[in-house]
Amino acid sequence: MAKGKGELGASAAITLDDIMQGKAGPSEISQLSFEQALSLLEGVVTAVESGSLPLDQAIGSYERGTQLVQHLRSLLAGAEEKLRVLGEGATN
């Protein structure tokens, strides 16, 4: 059975093309490591800033870039909380 939009499968690696074409939805993005998401975001930014994308594709790419940013912020918040807890444990 063919995968629909936003359905890459759990074992598939998300590529920049997947992001740019809208094949990776929020559920797939949420499975990315910080490093993977940051690398993909850098690729999206480069593509959008190049000015070579048609307007509708640039807007879609920008939207998916914001999904990557939200995921990165979530991962950073989790890391900050862990560091806060570790820091409190070290001072007690």
N, C-alpha and C. Protein backbone atom coordinates (compact mmCIF):
# COMPACT_ATOMS: atom_id res chain seq x y z
N MET A 1 0.84 -1.17 0.00
CA MET A 1 0.00 0.00 0.00
C MET A 1 0.89 1.24 0.00
N ALA A 2 0.59 2.21 -0.84
CA ALA A 2 1.39 3.43 -0.94
C ALA A 2 1.17 4.31 0.27
N LYS A 3 2.21 4.99 0.68
CA LYS A 3 2.12 5.92 1.80
C LYS A 3 1.53 7.23 1.30
N GLY A 4 0.65 7.79 2.11
CA GLY A 4 0.05 9.07 1.78
C GLY A 4 0.89 10.21 2.31
N LYS A 5 0.41 11.42 2.10
CA LYS A 5 1.11 12.61 2.57
C LYS A 5 1.26 12.54 4.08
N GLY A 6 2.48 12.75 4.55
CA GLY A 6 2.72 12.73 5.98
C GLY A 6 2.87 11.33 6.54
N GLU A 7 3.02 10.32 5.68
CA GLU A 7 3.15 8.94 6.15
C GLU A 7 4.41 8.31 5.57
N LEU A 8 5.50 8.44 6.28
CA LEU A 8 6.76 7.89 5.79
C LEU A 8 7.05 6.51 6.34
N GLY A 9 6.43 6.15 7.41
CA GLY A 9 6.75 4.88 8.06
C GLY A 9 7.79 5.10 9.14
N ALA A 10 7.72 4.31 10.19
CA ALA A 10 8.56 4.52 11.36
C ALA A 10 10.05 4.35 11.08
N SER A 11 10.40 3.45 10.18
CA SER A 11 11.82 3.17 9.97
C SER A 11 12.46 4.05 8.90
N ALA A 12 11.65 4.82 8.17
CA ALA A 12 12.20 5.64 7.09
C ALA A 12 12.87 6.88 7.65
N ALA A 13 14.03 7.19 7.10
CA ALA A 13 14.73 8.42 7.49
C ALA A 13 14.09 9.57 6.73
N ILE A 14 13.87 10.67 7.43
CA ILE A 14 13.29 11.85 6.80
C ILE A 14 14.40 12.63 6.10
N THR A 15 14.17 12.95 4.86
CA THR A 15 15.14 13.71 4.09
C THR A 15 14.65 15.13 3.89
N LEU A 16 15.54 15.99 3.43
CA LEU A 16 15.16 17.36 3.12
C LEU A 16 14.07 17.37 2.05
N ASP A 17 14.17 16.48 1.07
CA ASP A 17 13.12 16.40 0.04
C ASP A 17 11.77 16.07 0.66
N ASP A 18 11.75 15.16 1.64
CA ASP A 18 10.50 14.82 2.33
C ASP A 18 9.89 16.05 2.98
N ILE A 19 10.76 16.84 3.63
CA ILE A 19 10.29 18.06 4.28
C ILE A 19 9.78 19.05 3.24
N MET A 20 10.56 19.28 2.21
CA MET A 20 10.21 20.27 1.20
C MET A 20 8.94 19.91 0.44
N GLN A 21 8.70 18.62 0.26
CA GLN A 21 7.53 18.17 -0.49
C GLN A 21 6.33 17.90 0.40
N GLY A 22 6.47 18.13 1.69
CA GLY A 22 5.35 17.94 2.61
C GLY A 22 5.04 16.49 2.92
N LYS A 23 6.00 15.60 2.70
CA LYS A 23 5.79 14.17 2.97
C LYS A 23 5.99 13.83 4.44
N ALA A 24 6.62 14.72 5.19
CA ALA A 24 6.86 14.49 6.62
C ALA A 24 5.96 15.43 7.41
N GLY A 25 5.05 14.85 8.17
CA GLY A 25 4.15 15.65 8.98
C GLY A 25 4.67 15.80 10.40
N PRO A 26 3.88 16.45 11.25
CA PRO A 26 4.29 16.67 12.63
C PRO A 26 4.66 15.39 13.39
N SER A 27 3.97 14.29 13.12
CA SER A 27 4.28 13.05 13.85
C SER A 27 5.65 12.52 13.46
N GLU A 28 6.03 12.65 12.19
CA GLU A 28 7.36 12.21 11.77
C GLU A 28 8.43 13.17 12.28
N ILE A 29 8.13 14.45 12.22
CA ILE A 29 9.08 15.46 12.70
C ILE A 29 9.34 15.27 14.19
N SER A 30 8.32 14.91 14.94
CA SER A 30 8.48 14.74 16.39
C SER A 30 9.41 13.58 16.76
N GLN A 31 9.72 12.72 15.81
CA GLN A 31 10.61 11.58 16.06
C GLN A 31 12.07 11.92 15.78
N LEU A 32 12.33 13.10 15.24
CA LEU A 32 13.70 13.48 14.87
C LEU A 32 14.51 13.84 16.10
N SER A 33 15.81 13.54 16.02
CA SER A 33 16.72 14.01 17.06
C SER A 33 16.94 15.51 16.85
N PHE A 34 17.52 16.16 17.85
CA PHE A 34 17.82 17.58 17.74
C PHE A 34 18.70 17.84 16.53
N GLU A 35 19.75 17.04 16.38
CA GLU A 35 20.70 17.24 15.30
C GLU A 35 20.04 17.04 13.93
N GLN A 36 19.19 16.04 13.80
CA GLN A 36 18.50 15.80 12.53
C GLN A 36 17.58 16.96 12.19
N ALA A 37 16.80 17.40 13.17
CA ALA A 37 15.86 18.49 12.94
C ALA A 37 16.59 19.78 12.59
N LEU A 38 17.68 20.06 13.28
CA LEU A 38 18.45 21.28 13.01
C LEU A 38 19.03 21.24 11.59
N SER A 39 19.56 20.11 11.19
CA SER A 39 20.11 19.97 9.85
C SER A 39 19.03 20.18 8.78
N LEU A 40 17.86 19.60 9.00
CA LEU A 40 16.76 19.78 8.04
C LEU A 40 16.30 21.23 8.02
N LEU A 41 16.23 21.87 9.18
CA LEU A 41 15.83 23.27 9.23
C LEU A 41 16.82 24.14 8.46
N GLU A 42 18.10 23.87 8.62
CA GLU A 42 19.11 24.62 7.88
C GLU A 42 18.91 24.47 6.37
N GLY A 43 18.56 23.26 5.93
CA GLY A 43 18.29 23.02 4.51
C GLY A 43 17.07 23.78 4.03
N VAL A 44 16.02 23.80 4.84
CA VAL A 44 14.80 24.53 4.49
C VAL A 44 15.11 26.02 4.37
N VAL A 45 15.82 26.56 5.35
CA VAL A 45 16.17 27.99 5.33
C VAL A 45 16.98 28.33 4.08
N THR A 46 17.95 27.50 3.76
CA THR A 46 18.77 27.74 2.57
C THR A 46 17.92 27.76 1.31
N ALA A 47 17.01 26.79 1.20
CA ALA A 47 16.15 26.70 0.02
C ALA A 47 15.22 27.91 -0.09
N VAL A 48 14.61 28.30 1.02
CA VAL A 48 13.69 29.43 0.99
C VAL A 48 14.44 30.72 0.70
N GLU A 49 15.59 30.90 1.34
CA GLU A 49 16.37 32.12 1.14
C GLU A 49 16.96 32.23 -0.27
N SER A 50 17.09 31.11 -0.96
CA SER A 50 17.67 31.14 -2.31
C SER A 50 16.80 31.92 -3.28
N GLY A 51 15.52 31.99 -2.98
CA GLY A 51 14.60 32.71 -3.87
C GLY A 51 14.23 31.95 -5.12
N SER A 52 14.64 30.70 -5.21
CA SER A 52 14.39 29.93 -6.43
C SER A 52 13.09 29.12 -6.37
N LEU A 53 12.44 29.07 -5.20
CA LEU A 53 11.22 28.30 -5.07
C LEU A 53 10.01 29.12 -5.54
N PRO A 54 9.06 28.46 -6.18
CA PRO A 54 7.80 29.16 -6.48
C PRO A 54 7.15 29.59 -5.15
N LEU A 55 6.34 30.62 -5.18
CA LEU A 55 5.77 31.19 -3.97
C LEU A 55 5.03 30.15 -3.13
N ASP A 56 4.19 29.33 -3.74
CA ASP A 56 3.43 28.36 -2.96
C ASP A 56 4.34 27.32 -2.29
N GLN A 57 5.40 26.93 -2.98
CA GLN A 57 6.35 25.98 -2.39
C GLN A 57 7.16 26.65 -1.28
N ALA A 58 7.51 27.90 -1.46
CA ALA A 58 8.24 28.63 -0.42
C ALA A 58 7.39 28.78 0.84
N ILE A 59 6.11 29.07 0.67
CA ILE A 59 5.22 29.20 1.82
C ILE A 59 5.06 27.86 2.53
N GLY A 60 4.89 26.78 1.78
CA GLY A 60 4.78 25.45 2.37
C GLY A 60 6.05 25.06 3.09
N SER A 61 7.18 25.38 2.51
CA SER A 61 8.47 25.07 3.14
C SER A 61 8.65 25.88 4.42
N TYR A 62 8.22 27.13 4.38
CA TYR A 62 8.29 27.98 5.58
C TYR A 62 7.43 27.37 6.70
N GLU A 63 6.24 26.91 6.33
CA GLU A 63 5.34 26.28 7.31
C GLU A 63 6.00 25.05 7.94
N ARG A 64 6.61 24.22 7.12
CA ARG A 64 7.26 23.01 7.65
C ARG A 64 8.49 23.39 8.47
N GLY A 65 9.14 24.48 8.08
CA GLY A 65 10.25 24.98 8.88
C GLY A 65 9.80 25.39 10.27
N THR A 66 8.62 25.99 10.36
CA THR A 66 8.11 26.37 11.68
C THR A 66 7.79 25.13 12.52
N GLN A 67 7.38 24.04 11.87
CA GLN A 67 7.15 22.79 12.60
C GLN A 67 8.47 22.26 13.15
N LEU A 68 9.52 22.37 12.36
CA LEU A 68 10.84 21.95 12.83
C LEU A 68 11.29 22.82 14.01
N VAL A 69 11.05 24.13 13.92
CA VAL A 69 11.43 25.04 15.00
C VAL A 69 10.67 24.68 16.28
N GLN A 70 9.39 24.40 16.17
CA GLN A 70 8.60 24.01 17.35
C GLN A 70 9.17 22.74 17.98
N HIS A 71 9.54 21.78 17.15
CA HIS A 71 10.11 20.54 17.67
C HIS A 71 11.45 20.81 18.35
N LEU A 72 12.28 21.63 17.73
CA LEU A 72 13.58 21.97 18.32
C LEU A 72 13.40 22.68 19.65
N ARG A 73 12.44 23.60 19.74
CA ARG A 73 12.18 24.29 21.00
C ARG A 73 11.74 23.32 22.09
N SER A 74 10.92 22.36 21.70
CA SER A 74 10.46 21.35 22.65
C SER A 74 11.63 20.52 23.17
N LEU A 75 12.51 20.11 22.26
CA LEU A 75 13.68 19.33 22.68
C LEU A 75 14.59 20.15 23.59
N LEU A 76 14.78 21.43 23.26
CA LEU A 76 15.61 22.29 24.10
C LEU A 76 14.99 22.50 25.47
N ALA A 77 13.68 22.67 25.53
CA ALA A 77 13.01 22.83 26.81
C ALA A 77 13.20 21.59 27.68
N GLY A 78 13.11 20.42 27.07
CA GLY A 78 13.35 19.18 27.81
C GLY A 78 14.76 19.08 28.32
N ALA A 79 15.72 19.48 27.49
CA ALA A 79 17.13 19.44 27.91
C ALA A 79 17.38 20.45 29.03
N GLU A 80 16.80 21.64 28.92
CA GLU A 80 16.96 22.65 29.97
C GLU A 80 16.39 22.16 31.30
N GLU A 81 15.24 21.49 31.23
CA GLU A 81 14.63 20.96 32.46
C GLU A 81 15.53 19.90 33.09
N LYS A 82 16.09 19.03 32.28
CA LYS A 82 17.00 18.01 32.80
C LYS A 82 18.21 18.65 33.46
N LEU A 83 18.76 19.68 32.82
CA LEU A 83 19.92 20.38 33.40
C LEU A 83 19.55 21.08 34.70
N ARG A 84 18.34 21.65 34.75
CA ARG A 84 17.88 22.30 35.97
C ARG A 84 17.79 21.30 37.10
N VAL A 85 17.21 20.15 36.83
CA VAL A 85 17.06 19.10 37.85
C VAL A 85 18.42 18.60 38.28
N LEU A 86 19.31 18.39 37.33
CA LEU A 86 20.66 17.94 37.68
C LEU A 86 21.39 18.98 38.51
N GLY A 87 21.22 20.24 38.15
CA GLY A 87 21.86 21.33 38.89
C GLY A 87 21.34 21.42 40.32
N GLU A 88 20.04 21.23 40.47
CA GLU A 88 19.46 21.24 41.84
C GLU A 88 19.98 20.08 42.65
N GLY A 89 20.14 18.92 42.01
CA GLY A 89 20.66 17.76 42.72
C GLY A 89 22.10 17.94 43.14
N ALA A 90 22.86 18.66 42.35
CA ALA A 90 24.28 18.87 42.66
C ALA A 90 24.47 19.85 43.80
N THR A 91 23.51 20.76 43.98
CA THR A 91 23.66 21.77 45.04
C THR A 91 23.06 21.30 46.36
N ASN A 92 22.34 20.21 46.35
CA ASN A 92 21.71 19.72 47.60
C ASN A 92 22.62 18.76 48.34
